[in-house]
């Protein structure tokens, strides 16, 4: 889902436990590699490499960290875009800190919101619904690379 506002009006400090190199589980001879670094105290820099049998594609993103009802979310936007459109993603980090499940918020029920406060409220009210996350964009499982 793309939205014109991030989840929080004022960015939170990032959680550095997410920093590092992450590899997705292989699907159909393709996988993803994410390198997450600290851009500053409130923003991640992400290098996303999609690798498939015919080659690979690299994209660069920035992301803000948020917590909504105990869930960890990122407001992700392209580093190369002059217009900030945020994709929303929920992260489920295993207690070991070495496995990460990524679930993209679905466009299916896109809210009509104009502020981060409205977006947070919408997420909090809907995040437990079965169609909240995009089933076409199957949740990816990533493993930390040492």
N, C-alpha and C. Protein backbone atom coordinates (compact mmCIF):
# COMPACT_ATOMS: atom_id res chain seq x y z
N UNK A 1 0.84 -1.17 0.00
CA UNK A 1 0.00 0.00 0.00
C UNK A 1 0.88 1.24 0.00
N UNK A 2 0.53 2.20 -0.79
CA UNK A 2 1.23 3.47 -0.83
C UNK A 2 0.38 4.54 -0.15
N UNK A 3 1.02 5.35 0.67
CA UNK A 3 0.34 6.44 1.34
C UNK A 3 1.23 7.68 1.30
N UNK A 4 0.62 8.85 1.38
CA UNK A 4 1.39 10.09 1.29
C UNK A 4 1.96 10.51 2.64
N UNK A 5 1.59 9.81 3.70
CA UNK A 5 2.09 10.16 5.03
C UNK A 5 2.75 8.93 5.68
N UNK A 6 3.76 9.15 6.53
CA UNK A 6 4.34 8.04 7.28
C UNK A 6 3.45 7.70 8.47
N UNK A 7 3.77 6.63 9.16
CA UNK A 7 2.97 6.19 10.30
C UNK A 7 3.06 7.17 11.46
N UNK A 8 4.21 7.79 11.65
CA UNK A 8 4.38 8.74 12.75
C UNK A 8 4.79 10.11 12.22
N UNK A 9 4.23 11.16 12.81
CA UNK A 9 4.58 12.53 12.41
C UNK A 9 6.02 12.85 12.79
N UNK A 10 6.42 12.42 13.98
CA UNK A 10 7.79 12.63 14.44
C UNK A 10 8.49 11.27 14.46
N UNK A 11 9.55 11.12 13.68
CA UNK A 11 10.23 9.82 13.62
C UNK A 11 10.77 9.37 14.97
N UNK A 12 10.70 8.06 15.22
CA UNK A 12 11.25 7.45 16.42
C UNK A 12 12.70 7.06 16.16
N UNK A 13 13.42 6.83 17.23
CA UNK A 13 14.77 6.27 17.08
C UNK A 13 14.66 4.88 16.46
N UNK A 14 15.58 4.56 15.59
CA UNK A 14 15.57 3.24 14.97
C UNK A 14 16.01 2.20 16.00
N UNK A 15 15.69 0.95 15.74
CA UNK A 15 16.16 -0.16 16.54
C UNK A 15 17.28 -0.81 15.75
N UNK A 16 18.51 -0.69 16.23
CA UNK A 16 19.66 -1.18 15.47
C UNK A 16 19.70 -2.69 15.32
N UNK A 17 18.84 -3.41 16.05
CA UNK A 17 18.79 -4.87 15.91
C UNK A 17 18.41 -5.25 14.46
N UNK A 18 17.74 -4.35 13.75
CA UNK A 18 17.36 -4.64 12.36
C UNK A 18 18.51 -4.41 11.38
N UNK A 19 19.56 -3.72 11.81
CA UNK A 19 20.69 -3.44 10.93
C UNK A 19 21.47 -4.73 10.64
N UNK A 20 21.91 -4.84 9.39
CA UNK A 20 22.69 -6.01 9.00
C UNK A 20 22.28 -6.48 7.62
N UNK A 21 22.77 -7.63 7.26
CA UNK A 21 22.48 -8.23 5.95
C UNK A 21 21.47 -9.35 6.15
N UNK A 22 20.40 -9.33 5.35
CA UNK A 22 19.31 -10.29 5.44
C UNK A 22 19.08 -10.95 4.09
N UNK A 23 18.95 -12.28 4.07
CA UNK A 23 18.66 -13.03 2.84
C UNK A 23 17.31 -13.70 2.98
N UNK A 24 16.49 -13.58 1.93
CA UNK A 24 15.19 -14.25 1.95
C UNK A 24 15.35 -15.72 1.61
N UNK A 25 14.32 -16.47 1.94
CA UNK A 25 14.30 -17.87 1.52
C UNK A 25 14.06 -17.90 0.02
N UNK A 26 14.67 -18.86 -0.66
CA UNK A 26 14.58 -18.95 -2.12
C UNK A 26 13.19 -19.39 -2.56
N UNK A 27 12.63 -18.69 -3.56
CA UNK A 27 11.34 -19.05 -4.15
C UNK A 27 11.47 -18.97 -5.67
N UNK A 28 11.12 -20.03 -6.34
CA UNK A 28 11.16 -20.04 -7.81
C UNK A 28 12.50 -19.55 -8.37
N UNK A 29 13.59 -20.06 -7.83
CA UNK A 29 14.94 -19.70 -8.27
C UNK A 29 15.25 -18.21 -8.10
N UNK A 30 14.58 -17.55 -7.18
CA UNK A 30 14.91 -16.15 -6.92
C UNK A 30 14.89 -15.91 -5.41
N UNK A 31 15.59 -14.87 -5.01
CA UNK A 31 15.62 -14.49 -3.60
C UNK A 31 16.00 -13.02 -3.51
N UNK A 32 15.89 -12.49 -2.31
CA UNK A 32 16.19 -11.08 -2.06
C UNK A 32 17.29 -10.97 -1.02
N UNK A 33 18.08 -9.93 -1.17
CA UNK A 33 19.10 -9.61 -0.19
C UNK A 33 18.88 -8.16 0.23
N UNK A 34 18.68 -7.92 1.51
CA UNK A 34 18.49 -6.57 2.03
C UNK A 34 19.67 -6.25 2.94
N UNK A 35 20.29 -5.12 2.70
CA UNK A 35 21.32 -4.62 3.61
C UNK A 35 20.73 -3.39 4.28
N UNK A 36 20.55 -3.49 5.59
CA UNK A 36 19.93 -2.43 6.36
C UNK A 36 21.00 -1.76 7.21
N UNK A 37 21.13 -0.45 7.04
CA UNK A 37 22.11 0.31 7.82
C UNK A 37 21.42 1.50 8.48
N UNK A 38 22.12 2.11 9.39
CA UNK A 38 21.62 3.29 10.10
C UNK A 38 22.02 4.52 9.29
N UNK A 39 21.05 5.22 8.71
CA UNK A 39 21.35 6.48 8.01
C UNK A 39 21.58 7.58 9.03
N UNK A 40 20.68 7.65 10.01
CA UNK A 40 20.83 8.57 11.14
C UNK A 40 20.02 7.99 12.30
N UNK A 41 19.84 8.73 13.36
CA UNK A 41 19.20 8.16 14.55
C UNK A 41 17.72 7.82 14.35
N UNK A 42 17.09 8.35 13.29
CA UNK A 42 15.67 8.08 13.07
C UNK A 42 15.35 7.45 11.72
N UNK A 43 16.37 7.09 10.94
CA UNK A 43 16.12 6.57 9.60
C UNK A 43 17.09 5.45 9.22
N UNK A 44 16.52 4.40 8.61
CA UNK A 44 17.33 3.32 8.04
C UNK A 44 17.61 3.64 6.57
N UNK A 45 18.74 3.16 6.08
CA UNK A 45 19.04 3.12 4.65
C UNK A 45 19.00 1.64 4.26
N UNK A 46 18.30 1.33 3.18
CA UNK A 46 18.13 -0.07 2.78
C UNK A 46 18.56 -0.24 1.32
N UNK A 47 19.43 -1.21 1.09
CA UNK A 47 19.80 -1.61 -0.26
C UNK A 47 19.10 -2.94 -0.51
N UNK A 48 18.19 -2.96 -1.46
CA UNK A 48 17.42 -4.17 -1.77
C UNK A 48 17.90 -4.73 -3.10
N UNK A 49 18.33 -5.97 -3.08
CA UNK A 49 18.82 -6.64 -4.30
C UNK A 49 17.91 -7.84 -4.55
N UNK A 50 17.18 -7.79 -5.66
CA UNK A 50 16.31 -8.89 -6.07
C UNK A 50 17.11 -9.74 -7.05
N UNK A 51 17.37 -10.99 -6.71
CA UNK A 51 18.24 -11.86 -7.50
C UNK A 51 17.40 -12.98 -8.11
N UNK A 52 17.50 -13.15 -9.43
CA UNK A 52 16.76 -14.20 -10.12
C UNK A 52 17.68 -14.84 -11.15
N UNK A 53 17.19 -15.86 -11.81
CA UNK A 53 18.07 -16.64 -12.70
C UNK A 53 18.63 -15.83 -13.87
N UNK A 54 17.97 -14.74 -14.25
CA UNK A 54 18.44 -13.93 -15.37
C UNK A 54 19.30 -12.74 -14.95
N UNK A 55 19.53 -12.58 -13.67
CA UNK A 55 20.34 -11.45 -13.20
C UNK A 55 19.80 -10.90 -11.89
N UNK A 56 19.96 -9.61 -11.73
CA UNK A 56 19.48 -8.99 -10.48
C UNK A 56 19.13 -7.53 -10.71
N UNK A 57 18.40 -6.97 -9.75
CA UNK A 57 18.02 -5.56 -9.77
C UNK A 57 18.26 -5.00 -8.38
N UNK A 58 18.84 -3.81 -8.31
CA UNK A 58 19.14 -3.17 -7.03
C UNK A 58 18.31 -1.90 -6.91
N UNK A 59 17.70 -1.72 -5.73
CA UNK A 59 16.94 -0.50 -5.42
C UNK A 59 17.36 -0.01 -4.05
N UNK A 60 17.23 1.30 -3.85
CA UNK A 60 17.64 1.91 -2.60
C UNK A 60 16.45 2.60 -1.94
N UNK A 61 16.34 2.41 -0.63
CA UNK A 61 15.20 2.96 0.12
C UNK A 61 15.67 3.58 1.43
N UNK A 62 14.79 4.40 1.98
CA UNK A 62 14.91 4.87 3.35
C UNK A 62 13.67 4.40 4.08
N UNK A 63 13.76 4.27 5.40
CA UNK A 63 12.60 3.80 6.17
C UNK A 63 12.61 4.40 7.57
N UNK A 64 11.39 4.69 8.04
CA UNK A 64 11.17 5.14 9.41
C UNK A 64 10.60 3.98 10.22
N UNK A 65 11.00 3.90 11.46
CA UNK A 65 10.59 2.86 12.40
C UNK A 65 9.39 3.34 13.21
N UNK A 66 8.39 2.47 13.39
CA UNK A 66 7.21 2.79 14.21
C UNK A 66 6.75 1.55 14.95
N UNK A 67 6.04 1.77 16.03
CA UNK A 67 5.36 0.69 16.74
C UNK A 67 3.89 1.06 16.84
N UNK A 68 3.03 0.12 16.46
CA UNK A 68 1.59 0.31 16.57
C UNK A 68 1.02 -0.90 17.29
N UNK A 69 0.38 -0.68 18.41
CA UNK A 69 -0.20 -1.76 19.23
C UNK A 69 0.78 -2.91 19.43
N UNK A 70 2.03 -2.59 19.68
CA UNK A 70 3.06 -3.60 19.92
C UNK A 70 3.70 -4.17 18.67
N UNK A 71 3.14 -3.88 17.49
CA UNK A 71 3.70 -4.37 16.23
C UNK A 71 4.73 -3.40 15.68
N UNK A 72 5.78 -3.94 15.09
CA UNK A 72 6.84 -3.12 14.47
C UNK A 72 6.48 -2.89 13.01
N UNK A 73 6.48 -1.63 12.59
CA UNK A 73 6.19 -1.26 11.21
C UNK A 73 7.28 -0.35 10.68
N UNK A 74 7.45 -0.38 9.36
CA UNK A 74 8.32 0.58 8.69
C UNK A 74 7.49 1.35 7.67
N UNK A 75 7.77 2.64 7.56
CA UNK A 75 7.26 3.49 6.48
C UNK A 75 8.43 3.61 5.51
N UNK A 76 8.35 2.94 4.37
CA UNK A 76 9.47 2.81 3.44
C UNK A 76 9.23 3.69 2.22
N UNK A 77 10.28 4.42 1.79
CA UNK A 77 10.15 5.22 0.58
C UNK A 77 11.44 5.14 -0.24
N UNK A 78 11.31 5.32 -1.55
CA UNK A 78 12.44 5.22 -2.46
C UNK A 78 13.41 6.36 -2.24
N UNK A 79 14.67 6.04 -2.18
CA UNK A 79 15.71 7.05 -2.02
C UNK A 79 15.78 7.95 -3.23
N UNK A 80 15.40 7.44 -4.39
CA UNK A 80 15.55 8.17 -5.64
C UNK A 80 14.33 9.01 -6.01
N UNK A 81 13.28 8.95 -5.23
CA UNK A 81 12.06 9.68 -5.57
C UNK A 81 12.03 11.04 -4.89
N UNK A 82 11.55 12.04 -5.64
CA UNK A 82 11.39 13.37 -5.05
C UNK A 82 10.05 13.49 -4.34
N UNK A 83 9.12 12.60 -4.69
CA UNK A 83 7.80 12.58 -4.06
C UNK A 83 7.78 11.41 -3.07
N UNK A 84 7.55 11.72 -1.82
CA UNK A 84 7.53 10.66 -0.81
C UNK A 84 6.19 9.94 -0.80
N UNK A 85 6.22 8.73 -1.31
CA UNK A 85 5.09 7.80 -1.20
C UNK A 85 5.61 6.67 -0.33
N UNK A 86 4.92 6.40 0.74
CA UNK A 86 5.38 5.41 1.71
C UNK A 86 4.68 4.08 1.50
N UNK A 87 5.47 3.02 1.44
CA UNK A 87 4.94 1.65 1.49
C UNK A 87 5.00 1.26 2.97
N UNK A 88 3.99 0.53 3.41
CA UNK A 88 3.93 0.15 4.82
C UNK A 88 4.19 -1.34 4.95
N UNK A 89 5.07 -1.69 5.85
CA UNK A 89 5.45 -3.08 6.04
C UNK A 89 5.52 -3.38 7.54
N UNK A 90 5.03 -4.56 7.89
CA UNK A 90 5.09 -5.02 9.29
C UNK A 90 6.23 -6.02 9.40
N UNK A 91 6.97 -5.92 10.48
CA UNK A 91 8.10 -6.80 10.72
C UNK A 91 7.83 -7.65 11.95
N UNK A 92 8.11 -8.94 11.85
CA UNK A 92 8.03 -9.85 12.99
C UNK A 92 9.41 -10.46 13.15
N UNK A 93 10.12 -9.98 14.17
CA UNK A 93 11.48 -10.44 14.43
C UNK A 93 11.45 -11.57 15.45
N UNK A 94 12.08 -12.69 15.10
CA UNK A 94 12.15 -13.82 16.02
C UNK A 94 12.95 -13.43 17.25
N UNK A 95 12.69 -14.07 18.36
CA UNK A 95 13.37 -13.74 19.61
C UNK A 95 14.89 -13.90 19.51
N UNK A 96 15.34 -14.76 18.59
CA UNK A 96 16.78 -14.94 18.38
C UNK A 96 17.41 -13.72 17.70
N UNK A 97 16.57 -12.92 17.03
CA UNK A 97 17.07 -11.76 16.29
C UNK A 97 17.65 -12.12 14.94
N UNK A 98 17.52 -13.39 14.54
CA UNK A 98 18.14 -13.84 13.30
C UNK A 98 17.16 -14.21 12.20
N UNK A 99 15.86 -14.16 12.47
CA UNK A 99 14.84 -14.45 11.47
C UNK A 99 13.81 -13.33 11.50
N UNK A 100 13.44 -12.88 10.30
CA UNK A 100 12.55 -11.74 10.17
C UNK A 100 11.47 -12.07 9.15
N UNK A 101 10.21 -11.90 9.55
CA UNK A 101 9.09 -12.07 8.62
C UNK A 101 8.62 -10.67 8.21
N UNK A 102 8.48 -10.46 6.92
CA UNK A 102 8.06 -9.16 6.38
C UNK A 102 6.70 -9.33 5.72
N UNK A 103 5.73 -8.51 6.15
CA UNK A 103 4.38 -8.55 5.58
C UNK A 103 4.01 -7.15 5.10
N UNK A 104 3.62 -7.04 3.82
CA UNK A 104 3.26 -5.76 3.23
C UNK A 104 1.79 -5.46 3.47
N UNK A 105 1.48 -4.23 3.86
CA UNK A 105 0.10 -3.81 4.06
C UNK A 105 -0.58 -3.74 2.69
N UNK A 106 -1.78 -4.30 2.59
CA UNK A 106 -2.51 -4.43 1.33
C UNK A 106 -3.11 -3.10 0.85
N UNK A 107 -3.17 -2.96 -0.46
CA UNK A 107 -3.87 -1.82 -1.09
C UNK A 107 -5.37 -2.02 -1.08
N UNK A 108 -5.79 -3.23 -0.77
CA UNK A 108 -7.20 -3.60 -0.87
C UNK A 108 -8.14 -2.66 -0.11
N UNK A 109 -7.75 -2.29 1.07
CA UNK A 109 -8.59 -1.43 1.90
C UNK A 109 -7.90 -0.11 2.20
N UNK A 110 -7.35 0.48 1.17
CA UNK A 110 -6.56 1.70 1.34
C UNK A 110 -7.38 2.79 2.03
N UNK A 111 -6.83 3.33 3.12
CA UNK A 111 -7.58 4.35 3.87
C UNK A 111 -7.50 5.72 3.22
N UNK A 112 -8.47 6.54 3.49
CA UNK A 112 -8.46 7.93 3.05
C UNK A 112 -7.98 8.75 4.25
N UNK A 113 -6.67 8.86 4.38
CA UNK A 113 -6.09 9.56 5.52
C UNK A 113 -5.21 10.70 5.02
N UNK A 114 -5.11 11.74 5.82
CA UNK A 114 -4.27 12.88 5.43
C UNK A 114 -3.24 13.23 6.49
N UNK A 115 -3.20 12.44 7.58
CA UNK A 115 -2.22 12.72 8.62
C UNK A 115 -1.68 11.41 9.20
N UNK A 116 -0.48 11.46 9.77
CA UNK A 116 0.06 10.27 10.42
C UNK A 116 -0.85 9.77 11.55
N UNK A 117 -1.48 10.67 12.28
CA UNK A 117 -2.37 10.26 13.36
C UNK A 117 -3.53 9.42 12.84
N UNK A 118 -4.12 9.84 11.72
CA UNK A 118 -5.21 9.08 11.11
C UNK A 118 -4.72 7.72 10.62
N UNK A 119 -3.52 7.68 10.05
CA UNK A 119 -2.95 6.43 9.55
C UNK A 119 -2.69 5.46 10.71
N UNK A 120 -2.11 5.96 11.81
CA UNK A 120 -1.86 5.11 12.99
C UNK A 120 -3.16 4.52 13.51
N UNK A 121 -4.19 5.36 13.59
CA UNK A 121 -5.48 4.90 14.08
C UNK A 121 -6.05 3.82 13.16
N UNK A 122 -5.96 4.03 11.85
CA UNK A 122 -6.45 3.05 10.88
C UNK A 122 -5.69 1.73 11.01
N UNK A 123 -4.37 1.80 11.15
CA UNK A 123 -3.57 0.58 11.31
C UNK A 123 -3.99 -0.15 12.58
N UNK A 124 -4.08 0.58 13.69
CA UNK A 124 -4.45 -0.03 14.96
C UNK A 124 -5.81 -0.72 14.91
N UNK A 125 -6.76 -0.14 14.18
CA UNK A 125 -8.10 -0.71 14.08
C UNK A 125 -8.19 -1.89 13.13
N UNK A 126 -7.26 -1.98 12.18
CA UNK A 126 -7.38 -2.98 11.12
C UNK A 126 -6.28 -4.03 11.04
N UNK A 127 -5.20 -3.89 11.79
CA UNK A 127 -4.03 -4.76 11.61
C UNK A 127 -4.28 -6.23 11.94
N UNK A 128 -5.37 -6.52 12.63
CA UNK A 128 -5.67 -7.92 12.97
C UNK A 128 -6.69 -8.55 12.02
N UNK A 129 -7.13 -7.80 11.03
CA UNK A 129 -8.08 -8.34 10.05
C UNK A 129 -7.35 -9.23 9.06
N UNK A 130 -8.01 -10.29 8.59
CA UNK A 130 -7.33 -11.25 7.70
C UNK A 130 -6.86 -10.64 6.37
N UNK A 131 -7.54 -9.62 5.86
CA UNK A 131 -7.15 -9.05 4.56
C UNK A 131 -6.30 -7.79 4.70
N UNK A 132 -5.75 -7.53 5.89
CA UNK A 132 -4.95 -6.33 6.11
C UNK A 132 -3.62 -6.40 5.36
N UNK A 133 -3.04 -7.60 5.29
CA UNK A 133 -1.78 -7.76 4.59
C UNK A 133 -2.01 -8.33 3.20
N UNK A 134 -1.13 -7.99 2.28
CA UNK A 134 -1.25 -8.35 0.88
C UNK A 134 -0.93 -9.84 0.68
N UNK A 135 -1.95 -10.62 0.32
CA UNK A 135 -1.71 -12.05 0.10
C UNK A 135 -1.01 -12.32 -1.22
N UNK A 136 -1.15 -11.41 -2.19
CA UNK A 136 -0.44 -11.58 -3.46
C UNK A 136 1.05 -11.37 -3.26
N UNK A 137 1.39 -10.46 -2.38
CA UNK A 137 2.79 -10.19 -2.02
C UNK A 137 3.08 -11.06 -0.81
N UNK A 138 3.34 -12.34 -1.08
CA UNK A 138 3.49 -13.32 -0.01
C UNK A 138 4.56 -12.86 0.98
N UNK A 139 4.25 -13.01 2.24
CA UNK A 139 5.20 -12.61 3.29
C UNK A 139 6.52 -13.33 3.06
N UNK A 140 7.58 -12.58 3.18
CA UNK A 140 8.91 -13.14 3.01
C UNK A 140 9.54 -13.42 4.36
N UNK A 141 10.28 -14.50 4.43
CA UNK A 141 11.06 -14.84 5.60
C UNK A 141 12.52 -14.56 5.26
N UNK A 142 13.17 -13.76 6.09
CA UNK A 142 14.57 -13.41 5.90
C UNK A 142 15.40 -13.95 7.05
N UNK A 143 16.64 -14.31 6.74
CA UNK A 143 17.57 -14.80 7.75
C UNK A 143 18.80 -13.89 7.76
N UNK A 144 19.23 -13.56 8.96
CA UNK A 144 20.41 -12.69 9.11
C UNK A 144 21.65 -13.43 8.62
N UNK A 145 22.49 -12.73 7.90
CA UNK A 145 23.76 -13.28 7.42
C UNK A 145 24.85 -12.72 8.31
N UNK A 146 25.65 -13.57 8.88
CA UNK A 146 26.71 -13.12 9.79
C UNK A 146 27.87 -12.53 9.03
